[in-house]
PDB file of all heavy atoms in Angstrom:
ATOM      1  N   VAL A   1     -83.735  15.471  39.030  1.00  0.00           N
ATOM      2  CA  VAL A   1     -83.143  15.240  40.347  1.00  0.00           C
ATOM      3  C   VAL A   1     -82.844  16.563  41.038  1.00  0.00           C
ATOM      4  O   VAL A   1     -83.126  16.740  42.232  1.00  0.00           O
ATOM      5  CB  VAL A   1     -81.879  14.368  40.227  1.00  0.00           C
ATOM      6  CG1 VAL A   1     -81.116  14.325  41.551  1.00  0.00           C
ATOM      7  CG2 VAL A   1     -82.252  12.947  39.794  1.00  0.00           C
ATOM      8  N   ASP A   2     -82.275  17.503  40.294  1.00  0.00           N
ATOM      9  CA  ASP A   2     -81.992  18.820  40.877  1.00  0.00           C
ATOM     10  C   ASP A   2     -83.280  19.487  41.371  1.00  0.00           C
ATOM     11  O   ASP A   2     -83.330  20.057  42.472  1.00  0.00           O
ATOM     12  CB  ASP A   2     -81.323  19.731  39.838  1.00  0.00           C
ATOM     13  CG  ASP A   2     -79.902  19.323  39.508  1.00  0.00           C
ATOM     14  OD1 ASP A   2     -79.349  18.445  40.218  1.00  0.00           O
ATOM     15  OD2 ASP A   2     -79.342  19.863  38.534  1.00  0.00           O
ATOM     16  N   ARG A   3     -84.329  19.391  40.559  1.00  0.00           N
ATOM     17  CA  ARG A   3     -85.588  20.058  40.901  1.00  0.00           C
ATOM     18  C   ARG A   3     -86.234  19.409  42.116  1.00  0.00           C
ATOM     19  O   ARG A   3     -86.667  20.098  43.053  1.00  0.00           O
ATOM     20  CB  ARG A   3     -86.530  20.021  39.706  1.00  0.00           C
ATOM     21  CG  ARG A   3     -87.883  20.660  39.959  1.00  0.00           C
ATOM     22  CD  ARG A   3     -88.662  20.834  38.663  1.00  0.00           C
ATOM     23  NE  ARG A   3     -89.972  21.395  38.932  1.00  0.00           N
ATOM     24  CZ  ARG A   3     -91.082  20.671  39.095  1.00  0.00           C
ATOM     25  NH1 ARG A   3     -91.035  19.346  38.998  1.00  0.00           N
ATOM     26  NH2 ARG A   3     -92.236  21.270  39.340  1.00  0.00           N
ATOM     27  N   TYR A   4     -86.319  18.099  42.122  1.00  0.00           N
ATOM     28  CA  TYR A   4     -86.996  17.415  43.218  1.00  0.00           C
ATOM     29  C   TYR A   4     -86.235  17.552  44.532  1.00  0.00           C
ATOM     30  O   TYR A   4     -86.847  17.708  45.596  1.00  0.00           O
ATOM     31  CB  TYR A   4     -87.201  15.941  42.874  1.00  0.00           C
ATOM     32  CG  TYR A   4     -88.190  15.681  41.748  1.00  0.00           C
ATOM     33  CD1 TYR A   4     -88.047  14.565  40.920  1.00  0.00           C
ATOM     34  CD2 TYR A   4     -89.261  16.534  41.514  1.00  0.00           C
ATOM     35  CE1 TYR A   4     -88.948  14.309  39.891  1.00  0.00           C
ATOM     36  CE2 TYR A   4     -90.163  16.300  40.485  1.00  0.00           C
ATOM     37  CZ  TYR A   4     -90.000  15.181  39.669  1.00  0.00           C
ATOM     38  OH  TYR A   4     -90.903  14.944  38.655  1.00  0.00           O
ATOM     39  N   THR A   5     -84.919  17.507  44.481  1.00  0.00           N
ATOM     40  CA  THR A   5     -84.166  17.682  45.731  1.00  0.00           C
ATOM     41  C   THR A   5     -84.308  19.109  46.249  1.00  0.00           C
ATOM     42  O   THR A   5     -84.400  19.328  47.461  1.00  0.00           O
ATOM     43  CB  THR A   5     -82.676  17.331  45.542  1.00  0.00           C
ATOM     44  OG1 THR A   5     -82.136  18.073  44.442  1.00  0.00           O
ATOM     45  CG2 THR A   5     -82.495  15.850  45.273  1.00  0.00           C
ATOM     46  N   ALA A   6     -84.371  20.092  45.346  1.00  0.00           N
ATOM     47  CA  ALA A   6     -84.571  21.479  45.772  1.00  0.00           C
ATOM     48  C   ALA A   6     -85.948  21.663  46.413  1.00  0.00           C
ATOM     49  O   ALA A   6     -86.138  22.562  47.247  1.00  0.00           O
ATOM     50  CB  ALA A   6     -84.412  22.415  44.576  1.00  0.00           C
ATOM     51  N   MET A   7     -86.899  20.804  46.059  1.00  0.00           N
ATOM     52  CA  MET A   7     -88.245  20.864  46.638  1.00  0.00           C
ATOM     53  C   MET A   7     -88.313  20.154  47.992  1.00  0.00           C
ATOM     54  O   MET A   7     -89.354  20.190  48.653  1.00  0.00           O
ATOM     55  CB  MET A   7     -89.251  20.223  45.671  1.00  0.00           C
ATOM     56  CG  MET A   7     -89.440  21.002  44.371  1.00  0.00           C
ATOM     57  SD  MET A   7     -90.377  20.055  43.105  1.00  0.00           S
ATOM     58  CE  MET A   7     -92.028  20.075  43.803  1.00  0.00           C
ATOM     59  N   GLY A   8     -87.221  19.507  48.388  1.00  0.00           N
ATOM     60  CA  GLY A   8     -87.178  18.887  49.705  1.00  0.00           C
ATOM     61  C   GLY A   8     -87.341  17.380  49.716  1.00  0.00           C
ATOM     62  O   GLY A   8     -87.607  16.800  50.771  1.00  0.00           O
ATOM     63  N   TYR A   9     -87.131  16.735  48.569  1.00  0.00           N
ATOM     64  CA  TYR A   9     -87.347  15.299  48.485  1.00  0.00           C
ATOM     65  C   TYR A   9     -86.039  14.508  48.462  1.00  0.00           C
ATOM     66  O   TYR A   9     -85.058  14.926  47.828  1.00  0.00           O
ATOM     67  CB  TYR A   9     -88.144  14.946  47.230  1.00  0.00           C
ATOM     68  CG  TYR A   9     -89.570  15.400  47.276  1.00  0.00           C
ATOM     69  CD1 TYR A   9     -89.981  16.538  46.578  1.00  0.00           C
ATOM     70  CD2 TYR A   9     -90.525  14.705  48.016  1.00  0.00           C
ATOM     71  CE1 TYR A   9     -91.300  16.970  46.617  1.00  0.00           C
ATOM     72  CE2 TYR A   9     -91.857  15.132  48.066  1.00  0.00           C
ATOM     73  CZ  TYR A   9     -92.225  16.258  47.360  1.00  0.00           C
ATOM     74  OH  TYR A   9     -93.530  16.691  47.412  1.00  0.00           O
ATOM     75  N   THR A  10     -86.061  13.376  49.138  1.00  0.00           N
ATOM     76  CA  THR A  10     -85.035  12.357  48.960  1.00  0.00           C
ATOM     77  C   THR A  10     -85.305  11.650  47.639  1.00  0.00           C
ATOM     78  O   THR A  10     -86.454  11.433  47.266  1.00  0.00           O
ATOM     79  CB  THR A  10     -85.087  11.342  50.123  1.00  0.00           C
ATOM     80  OG1 THR A  10     -84.727  12.010  51.336  1.00  0.00           O
ATOM     81  CG2 THR A  10     -84.140  10.172  49.888  1.00  0.00           C
ATOM     82  N   MET A  11     -84.237  11.277  46.932  1.00  0.00           N
ATOM     83  CA  MET A  11     -84.395  10.575  45.667  1.00  0.00           C
ATOM     84  C   MET A  11     -84.273   9.063  45.893  1.00  0.00           C
ATOM     85  O   MET A  11     -83.371   8.602  46.594  1.00  0.00           O
ATOM     86  CB  MET A  11     -83.373  11.046  44.638  1.00  0.00           C
ATOM     87  CG  MET A  11     -83.481  12.535  44.308  1.00  0.00           C
ATOM     88  SD  MET A  11     -85.157  13.076  43.825  1.00  0.00           S
ATOM     89  CE  MET A  11     -85.452  12.053  42.374  1.00  0.00           C
ATOM     90  N   VAL A  12     -85.190   8.343  45.294  1.00  0.00           N
ATOM     91  CA  VAL A  12     -85.293   6.893  45.509  1.00  0.00           C
ATOM     92  C   VAL A  12     -85.502   6.270  44.133  1.00  0.00           C
ATOM     93  O   VAL A  12     -86.573   5.748  43.825  1.00  0.00           O
ATOM     94  CB  VAL A  12     -86.482   6.573  46.454  1.00  0.00           C
ATOM     95  CG1 VAL A  12     -86.444   5.131  46.910  1.00  0.00           C
ATOM     96  CG2 VAL A  12     -86.479   7.490  47.668  1.00  0.00           C
ATOM     97  N   CYS A  13     -84.482   6.329  43.287  1.00  0.00           N
ATOM     98  CA  CYS A  13     -84.642   6.040  41.860  1.00  0.00           C
ATOM     99  C   CYS A  13     -84.273   4.608  41.500  1.00  0.00           C
ATOM    100  O   CYS A  13     -83.355   4.020  42.067  1.00  0.00           O
ATOM    101  CB  CYS A  13     -83.804   7.003  41.027  1.00  0.00           C
ATOM    102  SG  CYS A  13     -84.309   8.727  41.201  1.00  0.00           S
ATOM    103  N   HIS A  14     -84.986   4.092  40.515  1.00  0.00           N
ATOM    104  CA  HIS A  14     -84.784   2.730  40.005  1.00  0.00           C
ATOM    105  C   HIS A  14     -83.563   2.693  39.087  1.00  0.00           C
ATOM    106  O   HIS A  14     -83.498   3.426  38.107  1.00  0.00           O
ATOM    107  CB  HIS A  14     -86.040   2.307  39.242  1.00  0.00           C
ATOM    108  CG  HIS A  14     -85.899   1.041  38.441  1.00  0.00           C
ATOM    109  ND1 HIS A  14     -86.614  -0.096  38.724  1.00  0.00           N
ATOM    110  CD2 HIS A  14     -85.143   0.735  37.353  1.00  0.00           C
ATOM    111  CE1 HIS A  14     -86.308  -1.041  37.855  1.00  0.00           C
ATOM    112  NE2 HIS A  14     -85.416  -0.552  37.009  1.00  0.00           N
ATOM    113  N   GLY A  15     -82.616   1.815  39.425  1.00  0.00           N
ATOM    114  CA  GLY A  15     -81.473   1.586  38.551  1.00  0.00           C
ATOM    115  C   GLY A  15     -80.956   0.173  38.749  1.00  0.00           C
ATOM    116  O   GLY A  15     -80.569  -0.186  39.859  1.00  0.00           O
ATOM    117  N   ILE A  16     -80.949  -0.642  37.705  1.00  0.00           N
ATOM    118  CA  ILE A  16     -80.506  -2.030  37.815  1.00  0.00           C
ATOM    119  C   ILE A  16     -79.191  -2.261  37.067  1.00  0.00           C
ATOM    120  O   ILE A  16     -78.228  -2.794  37.612  1.00  0.00           O
ATOM    121  CB  ILE A  16     -81.599  -2.993  37.317  1.00  0.00           C
ATOM    122  CG1 ILE A  16     -82.770  -3.003  38.306  1.00  0.00           C
ATOM    123  CG2 ILE A  16     -81.039  -4.409  37.134  1.00  0.00           C
ATOM    124  CD1 ILE A  16     -83.907  -3.937  37.933  1.00  0.00           C
ATOM    125  N   GLY A  17     -79.144  -1.873  35.799  1.00  0.00           N
ATOM    126  CA  GLY A  17     -77.930  -2.081  35.024  1.00  0.00           C
ATOM    127  C   GLY A  17     -76.824  -1.123  35.435  1.00  0.00           C
ATOM    128  O   GLY A  17     -77.072  -0.037  35.968  1.00  0.00           O
ATOM    129  N   ASP A  18     -75.569  -1.518  35.146  1.00  0.00           N
ATOM    130  CA  ASP A  18     -74.444  -0.683  35.579  1.00  0.00           C
ATOM    131  C   ASP A  18     -74.422   0.669  34.878  1.00  0.00           C
ATOM    132  O   ASP A  18     -73.995   1.672  35.467  1.00  0.00           O
ATOM    133  CB  ASP A  18     -73.105  -1.412  35.417  1.00  0.00           C
ATOM    134  CG  ASP A  18     -72.901  -2.023  34.039  1.00  0.00           C
ATOM    135  OD1 ASP A  18     -73.755  -1.840  33.157  1.00  0.00           O
ATOM    136  OD2 ASP A  18     -71.880  -2.711  33.856  1.00  0.00           O
ATOM    137  N   ALA A  19     -74.910   0.748  33.648  1.00  0.00           N
ATOM    138  CA  ALA A  19     -74.974   2.048  32.973  1.00  0.00           C
ATOM    139  C   ALA A  19     -76.009   2.952  33.632  1.00  0.00           C
ATOM    140  O   ALA A  19     -75.773   4.156  33.806  1.00  0.00           O
ATOM    141  CB  ALA A  19     -75.297   1.853  31.489  1.00  0.00           C
ATOM    142  N   ALA A  20     -77.143   2.393  34.002  1.00  0.00           N
ATOM    143  CA  ALA A  20     -78.175   3.181  34.681  1.00  0.00           C
ATOM    144  C   ALA A  20     -77.707   3.629  36.057  1.00  0.00           C
ATOM    145  O   ALA A  20     -77.960   4.768  36.479  1.00  0.00           O
ATOM    146  CB  ALA A  20     -79.460   2.359  34.806  1.00  0.00           C
ATOM    147  N   ILE A  21     -77.029   2.739  36.772  1.00  0.00           N
ATOM    148  CA  ILE A  21     -76.529   3.095  38.106  1.00  0.00           C
ATOM    149  C   ILE A  21     -75.499   4.208  37.998  1.00  0.00           C
ATOM    150  O   ILE A  21     -75.509   5.164  38.786  1.00  0.00           O
ATOM    151  CB  ILE A  21     -75.953   1.851  38.806  1.00  0.00           C
ATOM    152  CG1 ILE A  21     -77.081   0.851  39.095  1.00  0.00           C
ATOM    153  CG2 ILE A  21     -75.240   2.235  40.093  1.00  0.00           C
ATOM    154  CD1 ILE A  21     -76.596  -0.518  39.514  1.00  0.00           C
ATOM    155  N   ASP A  22     -74.601   4.105  37.016  1.00  0.00           N
ATOM    156  CA  ASP A  22     -73.614   5.168  36.820  1.00  0.00           C
ATOM    157  C   ASP A  22     -74.301   6.496  36.546  1.00  0.00           C
ATOM    158  O   ASP A  22     -73.899   7.549  37.077  1.00  0.00           O
ATOM    159  CB  ASP A  22     -72.690   4.799  35.655  1.00  0.00           C
ATOM    160  CG  ASP A  22     -71.748   5.930  35.293  1.00  0.00           C
ATOM    161  OD1 ASP A  22     -70.801   6.188  36.062  1.00  0.00           O
ATOM    162  OD2 ASP A  22     -71.969   6.588  34.243  1.00  0.00           O
ATOM    163  N   GLN A  23     -75.356   6.484  35.749  1.00  0.00           N
ATOM    164  CA  GLN A  23     -76.085   7.719  35.461  1.00  0.00           C
ATOM    165  C   GLN A  23     -76.695   8.300  36.734  1.00  0.00           C
ATOM    166  O   GLN A  23     -76.615   9.516  36.976  1.00  0.00           O
ATOM    167  CB  GLN A  23     -77.181   7.443  34.425  1.00  0.00           C
ATOM    168  CG  GLN A  23     -77.923   8.693  33.976  1.00  0.00           C
ATOM    169  CD  GLN A  23     -79.128   8.388  33.117  1.00  0.00           C
ATOM    170  OE1 GLN A  23     -79.878   7.449  33.408  1.00  0.00           O
ATOM    171  NE2 GLN A  23     -79.337   9.155  32.053  1.00  0.00           N
ATOM    172  N   LEU A  24     -77.281   7.446  37.573  1.00  0.00           N
ATOM    173  CA  LEU A  24     -77.863   7.921  38.830  1.00  0.00           C
ATOM    174  C   LEU A  24     -76.802   8.443  39.779  1.00  0.00           C
ATOM    175  O   LEU A  24     -77.000   9.471  40.448  1.00  0.00           O
ATOM    176  CB  LEU A  24     -78.654   6.792  39.503  1.00  0.00           C
ATOM    177  CG  LEU A  24     -80.082   6.594  39.019  1.00  0.00           C
ATOM    178  CD1 LEU A  24     -80.685   5.360  39.665  1.00  0.00           C
ATOM    179  CD2 LEU A  24     -80.936   7.823  39.334  1.00  0.00           C
ATOM    180  N   VAL A  25     -75.683   7.749  39.872  1.00  0.00           N
ATOM    181  CA  VAL A  25     -74.615   8.213  40.754  1.00  0.00           C
ATOM    182  C   VAL A  25     -74.144   9.592  40.312  1.00  0.00           C
ATOM    183  O   VAL A  25     -73.932  10.490  41.146  1.00  0.00           O
ATOM    184  CB  VAL A  25     -73.444   7.208  40.779  1.00  0.00           C
ATOM    185  CG1 VAL A  25     -72.235   7.800  41.520  1.00  0.00           C
ATOM    186  CG2 VAL A  25     -73.873   5.910  41.455  1.00  0.00           C
ATOM    187  N   ARG A  26     -74.015   9.790  39.013  1.00  0.00           N
ATOM    188  CA  ARG A  26     -73.610  11.114  38.532  1.00  0.00           C
ATOM    189  C   ARG A  26     -74.650  12.174  38.892  1.00  0.00           C
ATOM    190  O   ARG A  26     -74.300  13.299  39.268  1.00  0.00           O
ATOM    191  CB  ARG A  26     -73.370  11.075  37.023  1.00  0.00           C
ATOM    192  CG  ARG A  26     -72.076  10.357  36.654  1.00  0.00           C
ATOM    193  CD  ARG A  26     -71.768  10.410  35.170  1.00  0.00           C
ATOM    194  NE  ARG A  26     -72.589   9.508  34.386  1.00  0.00           N
ATOM    195  CZ  ARG A  26     -73.425   9.872  33.427  1.00  0.00           C
ATOM    196  NH1 ARG A  26     -73.580  11.168  33.136  1.00  0.00           N
ATOM    197  NH2 ARG A  26     -74.132   8.984  32.752  1.00  0.00           N
ATOM    198  N   ALA A  27     -75.923  11.818  38.804  1.00  0.00           N
ATOM    199  CA  ALA A  27     -76.974  12.770  39.175  1.00  0.00           C
ATOM    200  C   ALA A  27     -76.900  13.111  40.659  1.00  0.00           C
ATOM    201  O   ALA A  27     -77.016  14.286  41.055  1.00  0.00           O
ATOM    202  CB  ALA A  27     -78.345  12.186  38.830  1.00  0.00           C
ATOM    203  N   TYR A  28     -76.700  12.097  41.502  1.00  0.00           N
ATOM    204  CA  TYR A  28     -76.633  12.327  42.949  1.00  0.00           C
ATOM    205  C   TYR A  28     -75.340  13.034  43.343  1.00  0.00           C
ATOM    206  O   TYR A  28     -75.330  13.830  44.295  1.00  0.00           O
ATOM    207  CB  TYR A  28     -76.733  10.996  43.693  1.00  0.00           C
ATOM    208  CG  TYR A  28     -78.054  10.266  43.592  1.00  0.00           C
ATOM    209  CD1 TYR A  28     -78.175   8.947  44.032  1.00  0.00           C
ATOM    210  CD2 TYR A  28     -79.193  10.864  43.055  1.00  0.00           C
ATOM    211  CE1 TYR A  28     -79.382   8.259  43.957  1.00  0.00           C
ATOM    212  CE2 TYR A  28     -80.398  10.189  42.968  1.00  0.00           C
ATOM    213  CZ  TYR A  28     -80.484   8.873  43.422  1.00  0.00           C
ATOM    214  OH  TYR A  28     -81.672   8.198  43.349  1.00  0.00           O
ATOM    215  N   GLU A  29     -74.262  12.748  42.637  1.00  0.00           N
ATOM    216  CA  GLU A  29     -72.995  13.440  42.929  1.00  0.00           C
ATOM    217  C   GLU A  29     -73.142  14.939  42.675  1.00  0.00           C
ATOM    218  O   GLU A  29     -72.562  15.761  43.416  1.00  0.00           O
ATOM    219  CB  GLU A  29     -71.875  12.872  42.052  1.00  0.00           C
ATOM    220  CG  GLU A  29     -71.372  11.501  42.503  1.00  0.00           C
ATOM    221  CD  GLU A  29     -70.388  10.882  41.525  1.00  0.00           C
ATOM    222  OE1 GLU A  29     -70.453  11.200  40.309  1.00  0.00           O
ATOM    223  OE2 GLU A  29     -69.557  10.064  41.960  1.00  0.00           O
ATOM    224  N   ARG A  30     -73.895  15.320  41.660  1.00  0.00           N
ATOM    225  CA  ARG A  30     -74.136  16.737  41.390  1.00  0.00           C
ATOM    226  C   ARG A  30     -74.834  17.396  42.575  1.00  0.00           C
ATOM    227  O   ARG A  30     -74.488  18.513  42.980  1.00  0.00           O
ATOM    228  CB  ARG A  30     -75.012  16.892  40.144  1.00  0.00           C
ATOM    229  CG  ARG A  30     -74.334  16.641  38.825  1.00  0.00           C
ATOM    230  CD  ARG A  30     -75.364  16.473  37.707  1.00  0.00           C
ATOM    231  NE  ARG A  30     -76.427  17.481  37.750  1.00  0.00           N
ATOM    232  CZ  ARG A  30     -76.373  18.654  37.137  1.00  0.00           C
ATOM    233  NH1 ARG A  30     -75.299  18.963  36.423  1.00  0.00           N
ATOM    234  NH2 ARG A  30     -77.380  19.513  37.219  1.00  0.00           N
ATOM    235  N   VAL A  31     -75.821  16.690  43.131  1.00  0.00           N
ATOM    236  CA  VAL A  31     -76.561  17.227  44.278  1.00  0.00           C
ATOM    237  C   VAL A  31     -75.632  17.389  45.472  1.00  0.00           C
ATOM    238  O   VAL A  31     -75.673  18.403  46.181  1.00  0.00           O
ATOM    239  CB  VAL A  31     -77.743  16.303  44.625  1.00  0.00           C
ATOM    240  CG1 VAL A  31     -78.416  16.751  45.911  1.00  0.00           C
ATOM    241  CG2 VAL A  31     -78.749  16.275  43.482  1.00  0.00           C
ATOM    242  N   ARG A  32     -74.775  16.395  45.715  1.00  0.00           N
ATOM    243  CA  ARG A  32     -73.831  16.468  46.837  1.00  0.00           C
ATOM    244  C   ARG A  32     -72.831  17.594  46.625  1.00  0.00           C
ATOM    245  O   ARG A  32     -72.474  18.318  47.574  1.00  0.00           O
ATOM    246  CB  ARG A  32     -73.115  15.125  46.994  1.00  0.00           C
ATOM    247  CG  ARG A  32     -72.079  15.085  48.116  1.00  0.00           C
ATOM    248  CD  ARG A  32     -72.704  15.247  49.485  1.00  0.00           C
ATOM    249  NE  ARG A  32     -73.513  14.101  49.865  1.00  0.00           N
ATOM    250  CZ  ARG A  32     -74.248  14.058  50.982  1.00  0.00           C
ATOM    251  NH1 ARG A  32     -74.275  15.107  51.803  1.00  0.00           N
ATOM    252  NH2 ARG A  32     -74.972  12.999  51.268  1.00  0.00           N
ATOM    253  N   ALA A  33     -72.363  17.773  45.391  1.00  0.00           N
ATOM    254  CA  ALA A  33     -71.394  18.835  45.118  1.00  0.00           C
ATOM    255  C   ALA A  33     -72.009  20.213  45.328  1.00  0.00           C
ATOM    256  O   ALA A  33     -71.359  21.134  45.833  1.00  0.00           O
ATOM    257  CB  ALA A  33     -70.864  18.710  43.689  1.00  0.00           C
ATOM    258  N   ALA A  34     -73.290  20.352  44.963  1.00  0.00           N
ATOM    259  CA  ALA A  34     -73.967  21.640  45.121  1.00  0.00           C
ATOM    260  C   ALA A  34     -74.285  21.939  46.574  1.00  0.00           C
ATOM    261  O   ALA A  34     -74.334  23.113  46.977  1.00  0.00           O
ATOM    262  CB  ALA A  34     -75.250  21.654  44.289  1.00  0.00           C
ATOM    263  N   ASN A  35     -74.483  20.897  47.367  1.00  0.00           N
ATOM    264  CA  ASN A  35     -74.823  21.064  48.783  1.00  0.00           C
ATOM    265  C   ASN A  35     -74.161  19.939  49.578  1.00  0.00           C
ATOM    266  O   ASN A  35     -74.804  18.939  49.905  1.00  0.00           O
ATOM    267  CB  ASN A  35     -76.341  21.043  48.967  1.00  0.00           C
ATOM    268  CG  ASN A  35     -76.740  21.262  50.422  1.00  0.00           C
ATOM    269  OD1 ASN A  35     -75.910  21.578  51.285  1.00  0.00           O
ATOM    270  ND2 ASN A  35     -78.024  21.088  50.718  1.00  0.00           N
TER     271      ASN A  35
END
């Protein structure tokens, strides 16, 4: 996620279960915190 966003991409990731969604939210929160 860090690499692809640095390359200029929006992330459009598959997440259905609550554990997977939590993992994605944490990944996206890192991107928001950095920028």
